[in-house]
C-alpha cells in the first residue's frame, strides 16, 4: 500500500479534478445563452471559490510531514469535497435555466415586486429548474454555512449577500399562473432571513407546556414543536405571497392542489372532505391554509371584489373563509391531547400575521394597483390585445402602464371567469371543447406575459 503522503496526494488530486469539472462548466457556459444577472452572479461566485479551492489544494502537503498532519489534510479534503458536492447539485439546473428556458419577464417582475419591501430592496434570486413537480427554496442558512465554511478554509469569497435560490418545475417555464406560486418560495427566504423559526419554536413550545403541563414527555414536546413550527413557516409563506401579489397566489394554490374537489354540486364544502391536519407532515391542512390566505385578502381589501367573481375557485375560498378552528382536527390516539396540541398552533397564528405586517411595512398596496386598471386589462384580453399600454378615456386621452400586480390578478380573474367572452370573438371556437379552452387559456397567459415584459422595457427595467 502506498505511503500515507501518497494517499493524501492522490485524494487531493481527485478533489482538484472534481472542482475543475464544476468550475469549467461555469466558465465555459454557452456564450449564446443569456442568464439573469442573479445567475451570472452565482456562476462568478462558484468560479472564484473554485479557484481559491484549487490553489489551496495545489499546495498540499504544504510542509506537513507527520502522520497526524496528513490525517488532518484528509479531513480537510473530505470537508471540501462534501461542500462542493452540496454546491454541485445546483450547477447544472442553474446552467440549464437561461432566459430562453425561464419565464424571464415574469421572474424579473416578481423580484422587482419583492424589492418594493424596503428591507429587501437589494435582494436577488437565482431561479433554476427542478425535476420535481414542486416549487422549492434552497435553505439559505445551511447553504451559506456550508459555502462560507469552505471559504474560510481556502481563503475564498463568502457566499453572496442577499441572494436566494428558488427551484421551479422544468415543465412550468411557460406558465404564467402556476408561477404565481414563486412568491411562496420568496417567503421561505424571508422567514429564514428574519430568523422567525426561533421565535415561533419558542412560542409554540411554551404554548404546548401551557396546554399539556410540564409532565408532557420532553421528546414528544420537541417532536410536536418541530411539526408545528414547520406549519407556521408554511403558513407565513402563504400569507406573505398573498400580501405580495394578491389573490392570484390563492387561485394558483387552489388550482395546483385541485382543492376545488372539496366542493359538492352546490358549491358547498363536502361533508366527506376530511378537515384533518396531517399528523406527521411539514404542511398544515390545505383548507386551513386557504382560510388564512382569505384573511389577508380581507385585510388588504381584495375580498369584497373577489367574492363577486363567478368561479368555483373563489367558491372554495369563500367556503374556507367561513370555517372555524373547531372544524379542524389533529387525529391522535388521545383526543384530549390532540385538541390541546392543535390549540398550541392556533395560538401562534396571530403572531404569524404580526410578523407579516412588520416585515412588509412600506410595501405598496397591491389592491390599489389592481383596481386602477383591472377593467381595461380584461377588455384588452377579451379582444386578444396585449395589455401593455392601457388607453384611458377620462378627459384627455392618455396611456397608462399597468403594474405587475394589476396584470397578474386581472389576467387570472379573466381566465377563471371570462374565457368564454374571448372565445365568443373567435370564429369556430367551441367553448365546450377542452382543447380549444386550453389553447386560448394559454394565449391569455402569453399576452399577459408579453405585457409584463413590455412594461419592463418601457420603464427601462429590462434587466436586474
Protein backbone atom coordinates (compact mmCIF):
# COMPACT_ATOMS: atom_id res chain seq x y z
CA UNK A 1 0.00 0.00 0.00
CA UNK A 2 1.22 3.50 -0.85
CA UNK A 3 2.65 5.68 1.87
CA UNK A 4 0.26 7.95 3.73
CA UNK A 5 1.72 11.00 1.99
CA UNK A 6 1.00 9.47 -1.43
CA UNK A 7 -2.53 8.55 -0.38
CA UNK A 8 -3.22 12.14 0.60
CA UNK A 9 -1.74 13.46 -2.66
CA UNK A 10 -3.98 11.08 -4.59
CA UNK A 11 -7.07 12.23 -2.69
CA UNK A 12 -6.08 15.87 -3.16
CA UNK A 13 -5.67 15.37 -6.92
CA UNK A 14 -9.07 13.68 -7.08
CA UNK A 15 -10.66 16.63 -5.28
CA UNK A 16 -8.84 19.08 -7.58
CA UNK A 17 -10.22 17.28 -10.63
CA UNK A 18 -13.74 17.36 -9.19
CA UNK A 19 -13.60 21.09 -8.53
CA UNK A 20 -12.19 21.69 -12.00
CA UNK A 21 -15.15 19.92 -13.55
CA UNK A 22 -17.58 22.30 -11.83
CA UNK A 23 -15.57 25.46 -12.44
CA UNK A 24 -15.11 24.58 -16.12
CA UNK A 25 -18.87 24.25 -16.56
CA UNK A 26 -19.39 27.71 -15.09
CA UNK A 27 -16.53 29.36 -17.00
CA UNK A 28 -17.36 27.76 -20.34
CA UNK A 29 -21.12 28.17 -20.21
CA UNK A 30 -22.79 28.64 -23.56
CA UNK A 31 -21.83 32.15 -24.77
CA UNK A 32 -25.01 32.28 -26.84
CA UNK A 33 -27.19 31.80 -23.75
CA UNK A 34 -28.40 34.74 -21.72
CA UNK A 35 -28.89 34.46 -17.96
CA UNK A 36 -30.49 36.57 -15.30
CA UNK A 37 -27.93 38.78 -13.57
CA UNK A 38 -28.53 36.78 -10.38
CA UNK A 39 -27.44 33.58 -12.15
CA UNK A 40 -24.35 35.30 -13.56
CA UNK A 41 -23.51 36.42 -10.05
CA UNK A 42 -23.89 32.84 -8.79
CA UNK A 43 -21.65 31.42 -11.54
CA UNK A 44 -18.97 34.06 -10.94
CA UNK A 45 -19.03 33.22 -7.23
CA UNK A 46 -18.54 29.50 -7.97
CA UNK A 47 -15.63 30.26 -10.28
CA UNK A 48 -13.88 32.39 -7.65
CA UNK A 49 -14.48 29.86 -4.88
CA UNK A 50 -13.26 27.11 -7.20
CA UNK A 51 -10.06 28.96 -7.98
CA UNK A 52 -9.36 29.52 -4.30
CA UNK A 53 -10.05 25.86 -3.57
CA UNK A 54 -7.73 24.66 -6.34
CA UNK A 55 -4.96 26.98 -5.23
CA UNK A 56 -5.30 25.77 -1.66
CA UNK A 57 -5.26 22.09 -2.63
CA UNK A 58 -2.37 22.58 -5.06
CA UNK A 59 -0.13 23.47 -2.12
CA UNK A 60 -0.65 20.13 -0.34
CA UNK A 61 1.12 18.84 1.71
CA UNK A 62 2.43 22.37 2.44
CA UNK A 63 5.41 21.37 4.54
CA UNK A 64 3.47 18.91 6.66
CA UNK A 65 5.38 15.68 7.26
CA UNK A 66 3.92 13.96 10.30
CA UNK A 67 1.21 11.24 10.04
CA UNK A 68 -1.16 13.25 12.24
CA UNK A 69 -0.73 16.23 9.91
CA UNK A 70 -1.55 14.10 6.87
CA UNK A 71 -4.64 12.83 8.63
CA UNK A 72 -5.68 16.45 9.20
CA UNK A 73 -5.28 17.03 5.47
CA UNK A 74 -7.55 14.07 4.83
CA UNK A 75 -10.20 15.70 6.99
CA UNK A 76 -9.85 18.95 5.04
CA UNK A 77 -10.18 17.11 1.73
CA UNK A 78 -13.32 15.38 2.98
CA UNK A 79 -14.76 18.70 4.18
CA UNK A 80 -14.08 20.42 0.86
CA UNK A 81 -15.42 17.52 -1.19
CA UNK A 82 -18.64 17.44 0.84
CA UNK A 83 -19.04 21.19 0.39
CA UNK A 84 -18.54 21.04 -3.36
CA UNK A 85 -20.87 18.07 -3.65
CA UNK A 86 -23.54 20.21 -1.98
CA UNK A 87 -22.99 23.06 -4.46
CA UNK A 88 -22.75 20.62 -7.36
CA UNK A 89 -26.47 19.87 -7.08
CA UNK A 90 -27.37 23.41 -8.21
CA UNK A 91 -24.86 23.99 -11.01
CA UNK A 92 -26.43 22.04 -13.88
CA UNK A 93 -30.02 23.13 -13.08
CA UNK A 94 -28.86 26.77 -12.99
CA UNK A 95 -26.89 26.43 -16.24
CA UNK A 96 -29.92 24.96 -17.97
CA UNK A 97 -32.09 27.82 -16.74
CA UNK A 98 -31.12 30.52 -19.21
CA UNK A 99 -33.62 33.18 -20.18
CA UNK A 100 -34.94 31.07 -23.06
CA UNK A 101 -35.93 28.36 -20.59
CA UNK A 102 -37.26 30.57 -17.80
CA UNK A 103 -40.28 32.86 -17.57
CA UNK A 104 -37.76 35.68 -17.53
CA UNK A 105 -40.01 38.74 -17.63
CA UNK A 106 -42.34 37.27 -15.01
CA UNK A 107 -39.47 36.32 -12.72
CA UNK A 108 -37.93 39.78 -13.02
CA UNK A 109 -41.32 41.33 -12.34
CA UNK A 110 -41.77 39.24 -9.19
CA UNK A 111 -38.26 40.11 -8.00
CA UNK A 112 -38.97 43.80 -8.52
CA UNK A 113 -42.22 43.45 -6.59
CA UNK A 114 -40.31 41.71 -3.78
CA UNK A 115 -37.81 44.57 -3.78
CA UNK A 116 -40.63 47.02 -3.09
CA UNK A 117 -40.34 45.78 0.50
CA UNK A 118 -37.87 48.35 1.88
CA UNK A 119 -35.77 45.86 3.85
CA UNK A 120 -35.28 43.70 0.72
CA UNK A 121 -34.59 46.41 -1.83
CA UNK A 122 -31.30 44.74 -2.88
CA UNK A 123 -32.27 41.07 -2.68
CA UNK A 124 -31.90 38.85 -5.74
CA UNK A 125 -32.87 35.28 -6.60
CA UNK A 126 -31.28 32.58 -8.73
CA UNK A 127 -34.05 30.60 -10.44
CA UNK A 128 -33.28 27.05 -11.53
CA UNK A 129 -35.17 24.05 -12.86
CA UNK A 130 -36.12 21.04 -10.77
CA UNK A 131 -37.37 17.62 -11.86
CA UNK A 132 -39.89 17.57 -9.03
CA UNK A 133 -43.33 18.98 -9.70
CA UNK A 134 -42.98 21.35 -6.83
CA UNK A 135 -41.62 24.80 -6.17
CA UNK A 136 -38.80 24.87 -3.64
CA UNK A 137 -36.36 27.17 -1.89
CA UNK A 138 -32.80 26.23 -1.05
CA UNK A 139 -32.43 26.89 2.65
CA UNK A 140 -30.11 29.87 2.87
CA UNK A 141 -28.70 29.05 6.31
CA UNK A 142 -27.17 25.64 5.51
CA UNK A 143 -26.15 26.83 2.04
CA UNK A 144 -24.28 29.86 3.35
CA UNK A 145 -22.85 27.96 6.32
CA UNK A 146 -21.53 25.22 4.05
CA UNK A 147 -20.11 27.61 1.45
CA UNK A 148 -18.58 30.04 3.94
CA UNK A 149 -17.02 27.14 5.85
CA UNK A 150 -15.10 26.22 2.71
CA UNK A 151 -14.28 29.85 2.01
CA UNK A 152 -12.73 30.37 5.44
CA UNK A 153 -10.53 27.30 4.92
CA UNK A 154 -9.29 28.19 1.43
CA UNK A 155 -9.37 31.99 1.81
CA UNK A 156 -12.10 32.24 -0.81
CA UNK A 157 -15.11 34.52 -1.30
CA UNK A 158 -18.10 34.40 1.03
CA UNK A 159 -21.46 33.40 -0.38
CA UNK A 160 -23.08 36.48 -1.97
CA UNK A 161 -25.21 38.52 0.39
CA UNK A 162 -28.90 38.98 -0.36
CA UNK A 163 -29.00 36.07 -2.81
CA UNK A 164 -31.58 33.28 -2.66
CA UNK A 165 -32.06 30.15 -4.78
CA UNK A 166 -35.51 29.05 -5.95
CA UNK A 167 -36.35 25.93 -7.96
CA UNK A 168 -39.34 25.71 -10.30
CA UNK A 169 -40.67 22.63 -12.15
CA UNK A 170 -38.96 22.48 -15.55
CA UNK A 171 -42.34 21.95 -17.25
CA UNK A 172 -43.77 25.24 -15.96
CA UNK A 173 -41.44 27.72 -17.65
CA UNK A 174 -44.19 28.96 -19.96
CA UNK A 175 -46.93 29.08 -17.33
CA UNK A 176 -47.89 32.48 -16.01
CA UNK A 177 -50.44 31.32 -13.48
CA UNK A 178 -48.53 28.44 -11.88
CA UNK A 179 -45.53 30.70 -11.42
CA UNK A 180 -47.68 32.86 -9.17
CA UNK A 181 -46.52 30.29 -6.59
CA UNK A 182 -42.96 31.65 -6.68
CA UNK A 183 -43.72 34.32 -4.03
CA UNK A 184 -44.36 31.49 -1.53
CA UNK A 185 -40.74 30.42 -2.02
CA UNK A 186 -39.62 34.01 -1.57
CA UNK A 187 -41.45 33.81 1.74
CA UNK A 188 -39.15 30.99 2.83
CA UNK A 189 -36.17 33.26 2.16
CA UNK A 190 -37.76 35.98 4.31
CA UNK A 191 -38.64 33.51 7.06
CA UNK A 192 -35.01 32.41 7.34
CA UNK A 193 -33.57 35.90 6.96
CA UNK A 194 -35.78 37.27 9.75
CA UNK A 195 -34.98 34.27 11.99
CA UNK A 196 -38.68 33.63 12.52
CA UNK A 197 -38.13 29.93 13.15
CA UNK A 198 -36.56 30.58 16.56
CA UNK A 199 -39.37 32.94 17.54
CA UNK A 200 -42.12 30.53 16.59
CA UNK A 201 -40.46 27.48 18.13
CA UNK A 202 -40.06 29.28 21.44
CA UNK A 203 -43.68 30.41 21.44
CA UNK A 204 -45.02 27.04 20.29
CA UNK A 205 -43.13 25.12 22.95
CA UNK A 206 -44.43 27.47 25.62
CA UNK A 207 -47.99 27.00 24.36
CA UNK A 208 -47.56 23.22 24.50
CA UNK A 209 -46.36 23.46 28.09
CA UNK A 210 -49.28 25.74 28.94
CA UNK A 211 -51.78 23.34 27.40
CA UNK A 212 -50.30 20.00 28.44
CA UNK A 213 -48.26 20.78 31.52
CA UNK A 214 -44.65 20.05 32.37
CA UNK A 215 -45.43 16.34 32.54
CA UNK A 216 -45.70 16.23 28.74
CA UNK A 217 -42.72 14.00 27.76
CA UNK A 218 -39.75 16.03 26.55
CA UNK A 219 -39.20 14.03 23.34
CA UNK A 220 -42.86 14.35 22.37
CA UNK A 221 -42.82 18.05 23.13
CA UNK A 222 -39.75 18.56 20.95
CA UNK A 223 -41.27 16.49 18.17
CA UNK A 224 -44.55 18.36 18.13
CA UNK A 225 -42.77 21.69 18.43
CA UNK A 226 -40.90 20.91 15.21
CA UNK A 227 -44.08 19.86 13.40
CA UNK A 228 -46.00 22.95 14.46
CA UNK A 229 -43.05 25.21 13.66
CA UNK A 230 -42.97 23.84 10.10
CA UNK A 231 -46.69 24.51 9.82
CA UNK A 232 -46.12 28.07 10.99
CA UNK A 233 -43.42 28.55 8.35
CA UNK A 234 -45.62 27.28 5.53
CA UNK A 235 -48.47 29.44 6.75
CA UNK A 236 -46.23 32.50 6.86
CA UNK A 237 -45.08 31.85 3.29
CA UNK A 238 -48.71 31.58 2.13
CA UNK A 239 -49.81 34.85 3.66
CA UNK A 240 -46.59 36.55 2.54
CA UNK A 241 -47.33 35.52 -1.06
CA UNK A 242 -50.88 36.88 -0.84
CA UNK A 243 -49.60 40.16 0.60
CA UNK A 244 -47.08 40.39 -2.25
CA UNK A 245 -49.27 39.61 -5.29
CA UNK A 246 -52.88 39.32 -4.14
CA UNK A 247 -55.45 36.64 -4.92
CA UNK A 248 -53.53 35.34 -7.96
CA UNK A 249 -51.44 33.32 -5.50
CA UNK A 250 -54.53 31.82 -3.86
CA UNK A 251 -56.09 30.88 -7.20
CA UNK A 252 -52.84 29.20 -8.27
CA UNK A 253 -52.72 27.36 -4.94
CA UNK A 254 -56.28 26.09 -5.37
CA UNK A 255 -55.57 25.07 -8.96
CA UNK A 256 -52.28 23.26 -8.33
CA UNK A 257 -53.64 21.14 -5.49
CA UNK A 258 -57.11 20.62 -7.02
CA UNK A 259 -58.69 21.91 -3.84
CA UNK A 260 -62.00 22.58 -5.59
CA UNK A 261 -62.67 18.86 -5.20
CA UNK A 262 -63.66 19.75 -1.64
CA UNK A 263 -66.86 21.34 -3.03
CA UNK A 264 -70.08 19.45 -3.65
CA UNK A 265 -72.50 20.03 -6.53
CA UNK A 266 -73.95 23.07 -4.75
CA UNK A 267 -70.62 24.78 -4.21
CA UNK A 268 -70.55 23.86 -0.52
CA UNK A 269 -67.82 22.01 1.34
CA UNK A 270 -68.47 18.31 1.01
CA UNK A 271 -69.11 16.53 4.34
CA UNK A 272 -66.93 13.71 3.01
CA UNK A 273 -63.93 16.00 2.77
CA UNK A 274 -61.59 15.49 5.72
CA UNK A 275 -60.53 18.67 7.51
CA UNK A 276 -57.83 16.89 9.49
CA UNK A 277 -54.36 18.26 9.93
CA UNK A 278 -51.79 15.65 8.84
CA UNK A 279 -50.15 14.06 11.85
CA UNK A 280 -46.55 13.99 10.66
CA UNK A 281 -46.14 16.40 7.78
CA UNK A 282 -44.50 19.77 7.27
CA UNK A 283 -47.65 21.24 5.74
CA UNK A 284 -50.78 22.20 7.70
CA UNK A 285 -54.24 21.29 6.40
CA UNK A 286 -54.87 22.72 2.93
CA UNK A 287 -58.20 24.30 3.80
CA UNK A 288 -56.73 25.93 6.90
CA UNK A 289 -54.04 27.44 4.70
CA UNK A 290 -56.69 28.75 2.31
CA UNK A 291 -58.65 30.19 5.24
CA UNK A 292 -55.62 32.21 6.37
CA UNK A 293 -54.98 33.40 2.82
CA UNK A 294 -58.55 34.64 2.74
CA UNK A 295 -57.89 36.56 5.97
CA UNK A 296 -55.11 38.52 4.22
CA UNK A 297 -57.36 39.16 1.23
CA UNK A 298 -59.95 40.59 3.60
CA UNK A 299 -57.42 42.75 5.42
CA UNK A 300 -55.83 44.01 2.19
CA UNK A 301 -59.26 44.93 0.71
CA UNK A 302 -59.32 42.36 -2.11
CA UNK A 303 -62.16 40.31 -0.66
CA UNK A 304 -65.19 42.48 -1.45
CA UNK A 305 -64.32 42.45 -5.15
CA UNK A 306 -63.04 38.89 -5.28
CA UNK A 307 -66.27 37.33 -3.98
CA UNK A 308 -68.08 38.80 -7.00
CA UNK A 309 -66.03 36.59 -9.31
CA UNK A 310 -68.07 33.70 -10.72
CA UNK A 311 -65.61 30.81 -10.29
CA UNK A 312 -65.52 27.57 -8.33
CA UNK A 313 -62.01 28.56 -7.21
CA UNK A 314 -63.50 31.59 -5.50
CA UNK A 315 -66.32 29.46 -4.08
CA UNK A 316 -63.67 27.31 -2.44
CA UNK A 317 -62.01 30.40 -0.97
CA UNK A 318 -65.35 31.60 0.38
CA UNK A 319 -66.15 28.22 1.90
CA UNK A 320 -62.74 28.00 3.60
CA UNK A 321 -63.03 31.57 4.89
CA UNK A 322 -66.23 30.62 6.73
CA UNK A 323 -64.62 27.68 8.54
CA UNK A 324 -63.76 27.93 12.21
CA UNK A 325 -60.97 26.40 14.23
CA UNK A 326 -63.49 23.88 15.57
CA UNK A 327 -63.88 22.50 12.04
CA UNK A 328 -60.33 21.16 12.07
CA UNK A 329 -58.92 18.11 13.82
CA UNK A 330 -55.49 16.71 14.63
CA UNK A 331 -56.05 12.94 14.88
CA UNK A 332 -54.18 11.25 17.70
CA UNK A 333 -54.97 8.31 19.95
CA UNK A 334 -55.53 10.63 22.91
CA UNK A 335 -58.25 13.02 21.75
CA UNK A 336 -57.70 15.47 24.61
CA UNK A 337 -54.02 15.82 23.75
CA UNK A 338 -54.71 16.26 20.03
CA UNK A 339 -57.06 19.16 20.69
CA UNK A 340 -54.54 20.80 23.01
CA UNK A 341 -51.70 20.35 20.53
CA UNK A 342 -53.75 21.93 17.76
CA UNK A 343 -54.71 24.75 20.12
CA UNK A 344 -51.00 25.50 20.61
CA UNK A 345 -50.67 26.01 16.88
CA UNK A 346 -53.78 28.17 16.64
CA UNK A 347 -52.38 30.37 19.41
CA UNK A 348 -49.33 31.19 17.27
CA UNK A 349 -51.26 32.11 14.12
CA UNK A 350 -51.80 35.76 15.21
CA UNK A 351 -48.03 36.06 15.61
CA UNK A 352 -47.62 34.91 12.00
CA UNK A 353 -49.78 37.81 10.86
CA UNK A 354 -47.99 40.22 13.17
CA UNK A 355 -44.61 39.27 11.71
CA UNK A 356 -46.05 39.60 8.20
CA UNK A 357 -47.19 43.16 8.90
CA UNK A 358 -43.83 44.10 10.38
CA UNK A 359 -41.77 42.67 7.52
CA UNK A 360 -43.92 44.08 4.71
CA UNK A 361 -44.22 47.56 6.21
CA UNK A 362 -43.75 50.05 3.40
CA UNK A 363 -44.91 47.71 0.62
CA UNK A 364 -47.21 49.49 -1.83
CA UNK A 365 -50.77 48.10 -1.67
CA UNK A 366 -51.47 45.56 -4.38
CA UNK A 367 -55.21 46.14 -4.39
CA UNK A 368 -54.82 49.80 -5.34
CA UNK A 369 -52.70 48.88 -8.35
CA UNK A 370 -55.25 46.31 -9.48
CA UNK A 371 -58.34 48.46 -9.02
CA UNK A 372 -56.90 51.20 -11.26
CA UNK A 373 -56.50 49.01 -14.34
CA UNK A 374 -58.48 45.77 -13.93
CA UNK A 375 -61.36 46.68 -16.24
CA UNK A 376 -59.11 47.87 -19.03
CA UNK A 377 -56.82 44.83 -18.81
CA UNK A 378 -59.76 42.44 -19.04
CA UNK A 379 -61.22 44.34 -22.00
CA UNK A 380 -57.91 44.07 -23.83
CA UNK A 381 -57.68 40.34 -23.13
CA UNK A 382 -61.25 39.77 -24.28
CA UNK A 383 -60.29 41.18 -27.68
CA UNK A 384 -56.91 39.45 -27.90
CA UNK A 385 -54.84 42.59 -27.33
CA UNK A 386 -51.64 42.62 -25.27
CA UNK A 387 -52.40 44.93 -22.30
CA UNK A 388 -49.06 46.75 -22.21
CA UNK A 389 -50.31 50.32 -22.53
CA UNK A 390 -53.90 50.94 -21.49
CA UNK A 391 -55.86 53.74 -23.10
CA UNK A 392 -57.72 55.90 -20.62
CA UNK A 393 -60.71 57.95 -21.81
CA UNK A 394 -61.12 60.29 -18.88
CA UNK A 395 -60.76 63.78 -20.28
CA UNK A 396 -57.55 63.98 -22.27
CA UNK A 397 -56.63 60.63 -23.84
CA UNK A 398 -53.56 59.06 -22.32
CA UNK A 399 -51.91 55.68 -21.98
CA UNK A 400 -51.27 54.03 -18.63
CA UNK A 401 -48.83 51.22 -17.96
CA UNK A 402 -50.25 48.58 -15.60
CA UNK A 403 -48.37 47.33 -12.55
CA UNK A 404 -47.34 43.66 -12.29
CA UNK A 405 -49.89 43.03 -9.52
CA UNK A 406 -52.65 44.52 -11.63
CA UNK A 407 -51.72 42.39 -14.64
CA UNK A 408 -51.45 39.12 -12.71
CA UNK A 409 -54.76 39.45 -10.89
CA UNK A 410 -56.72 40.86 -13.82
CA UNK A 411 -55.45 38.10 -16.08
CA UNK A 412 -56.14 35.31 -13.57
CA UNK A 413 -59.62 36.67 -12.91
CA UNK A 414 -60.31 36.78 -16.65
CA UNK A 415 -59.05 33.20 -17.04
CA UNK A 416 -61.28 31.72 -14.35
CA UNK A 417 -64.38 33.79 -15.10
CA UNK A 418 -64.45 35.26 -18.59
CA UNK A 419 -62.65 32.96 -21.02
CA UNK A 420 -65.96 32.36 -22.84
CA UNK A 421 -66.08 36.07 -23.69
CA UNK A 422 -62.79 35.73 -25.57
CA UNK A 423 -63.95 32.55 -27.35
CA UNK A 424 -67.09 34.34 -28.48
CA UNK A 425 -64.91 36.63 -30.64
CA UNK A 426 -63.09 33.72 -32.30
CA UNK A 427 -64.58 32.14 -35.38
CA UNK A 428 -65.49 28.45 -34.99
CA UNK A 429 -64.13 28.34 -31.43
CA UNK A 430 -66.19 25.92 -29.35
CA UNK A 431 -66.31 26.87 -25.70
CA UNK A 432 -67.22 23.28 -24.84
CA UNK A 433 -64.07 21.86 -26.45
CA UNK A 434 -61.35 21.20 -23.85
CA UNK A 435 -58.52 21.56 -26.36
CA UNK A 436 -59.85 24.92 -27.52
CA UNK A 437 -60.19 26.21 -23.98
CA UNK A 438 -56.68 25.07 -23.15
CA UNK A 439 -55.25 26.72 -26.26
CA UNK A 440 -56.82 30.11 -25.61
CA UNK A 441 -56.13 29.98 -21.87
CA UNK A 442 -52.50 29.63 -22.92
CA UNK A 443 -52.89 32.63 -25.19
CA UNK A 444 -54.19 34.72 -22.30
CA UNK A 445 -51.09 33.83 -20.31
CA UNK A 446 -48.85 34.62 -23.28
CA UNK A 447 -50.44 38.04 -23.85
CA UNK A 448 -50.14 38.90 -20.16
CA UNK A 449 -46.53 37.73 -20.04
CA UNK A 450 -45.77 39.89 -23.08
CA UNK A 451 -47.40 42.84 -21.34
CA UNK A 452 -45.21 42.30 -18.26
CA UNK A 453 -42.14 42.25 -20.50
CA UNK A 454 -43.27 45.34 -22.45
CA UNK A 455 -43.92 47.34 -19.30
CA UNK A 456 -40.49 46.40 -18.01
CA UNK A 457 -38.86 47.62 -21.20
CA UNK A 458 -40.94 50.80 -21.37
CA UNK A 459 -39.90 51.63 -17.81
CA UNK A 460 -36.26 50.90 -18.56
CA UNK A 461 -36.15 47.88 -16.25
CA UNK A 462 -35.35 45.15 -18.73
CA UNK A 463 -32.61 43.58 -16.63
CA UNK A 464 -31.65 43.47 -12.97
